[in-house]
Amino acid sequence: MEEKQRIPPKMESALIDGELEKISQAIAQSETISDTEFKKLQDKKAKTKTERHQERKALLKERYGIDVAPGLVEKDDRGW
């Protein structure tokens, strides 16, 4: 039986952190949408990646009341 190759844990963690950083930047740099557009996106079932980023940015702005930066996205992901 062939053994599956695994990524070493430290390397796997670095890859995950790198991806999270890219996603955090994409969310922070996405277009800011209006409250009406935000409500429409919340009700929409199938969303594009861009729409998911815009929705997340609007949610974070509503939750924290400040401009969304990559660091804020990462902190929110980590449960701050």
Protein backbone atom coordinates (compact mmCIF):
# COMPACT_ATOMS: atom_id res chain seq x y z
CA MET A 1 0.00 0.00 0.00
CA GLU A 2 1.39 3.37 -1.00
CA GLU A 3 1.98 5.85 1.81
CA LYS A 4 0.59 9.35 1.35
CA GLN A 5 3.21 12.08 1.42
CA ARG A 6 2.57 14.61 4.13
CA ILE A 7 3.73 18.16 4.49
CA PRO A 8 5.80 18.66 7.65
CA PRO A 9 3.68 20.43 10.35
CA LYS A 10 5.85 23.58 10.46
CA MET A 11 5.74 23.92 6.69
CA GLU A 12 1.99 23.26 6.64
CA SER A 13 1.47 26.02 9.23
CA ALA A 14 3.53 28.45 7.15
CA LEU A 15 1.50 27.63 4.03
CA ILE A 16 -1.75 28.18 5.90
CA ASP A 17 -0.51 31.48 7.36
CA GLY A 18 0.54 32.62 3.88
CA GLU A 19 -2.89 31.82 2.46
CA LEU A 20 -4.65 33.57 5.35
CA GLU A 21 -2.51 36.64 4.74
CA LYS A 22 -3.48 36.68 1.05
CA ILE A 23 -7.16 36.31 1.89
CA SER A 24 -6.97 39.02 4.57
CA GLN A 25 -5.42 41.41 2.06
CA ALA A 26 -8.05 40.56 -0.56
CA ILE A 27 -10.86 41.24 1.92
CA ALA A 28 -9.34 44.54 3.09
CA GLN A 29 -8.76 45.69 -0.50
CA SER A 30 -12.20 44.67 -1.77
CA GLU A 31 -14.71 47.34 -2.76
CA THR A 32 -16.62 48.95 0.09
CA ILE A 33 -20.33 48.34 -0.41
CA SER A 34 -23.42 50.19 0.81
CA ASP A 35 -25.65 48.90 3.61
CA THR A 36 -28.28 48.00 1.01
CA GLU A 37 -25.78 45.99 -1.04
CA PHE A 38 -24.60 44.30 2.17
CA LYS A 39 -28.15 43.21 3.03
CA LYS A 40 -28.64 41.86 -0.51
CA LEU A 41 -25.42 39.85 -0.26
CA GLN A 42 -26.44 38.43 3.11
CA ASP A 43 -29.63 37.08 1.53
CA LYS A 44 -27.92 35.76 -1.58
CA LYS A 45 -27.27 32.00 -1.56
CA ALA A 46 -24.54 31.60 -4.19
CA LYS A 47 -21.81 34.24 -4.05
CA THR A 48 -18.66 34.85 -6.04
CA LYS A 49 -15.32 35.13 -4.24
CA THR A 50 -15.44 38.91 -4.74
CA GLU A 51 -18.91 39.09 -3.21
CA ARG A 52 -17.81 36.98 -0.23
CA HIS A 53 -14.88 39.35 0.34
CA GLN A 54 -17.13 42.42 0.07
CA GLU A 55 -19.63 40.89 2.49
CA ARG A 56 -16.91 40.03 5.01
CA LYS A 57 -15.44 43.52 4.77
CA ALA A 58 -18.87 45.08 5.38
CA LEU A 59 -19.48 42.74 8.33
CA LEU A 60 -16.15 43.64 9.92
CA LYS A 61 -16.73 47.37 9.38
CA GLU A 62 -20.15 47.03 11.01
CA ARG A 63 -18.79 44.94 13.90
CA TYR A 64 -15.76 47.11 14.76
CA GLY A 65 -16.79 50.50 13.38
CA ILE A 66 -13.39 51.15 11.80
CA ASP A 67 -11.79 50.84 8.38
CA VAL A 68 -10.90 47.26 7.55
CA ALA A 69 -7.19 46.47 7.24
CA PRO A 70 -5.57 43.06 6.74
CA GLY A 71 -4.51 43.00 10.40
CA LEU A 72 -8.11 43.42 11.54
CA VAL A 73 -9.25 40.51 9.35
CA GLU A 74 -6.49 38.28 10.78
CA LYS A 75 -7.27 39.25 14.37
CA ASP A 76 -10.97 38.59 13.83
CA ASP A 77 -10.13 35.19 12.34
CA ARG A 78 -8.16 34.39 15.47
CA GLY A 79 -11.07 35.35 17.74
CA TRP A 80 -9.98 38.74 19.06
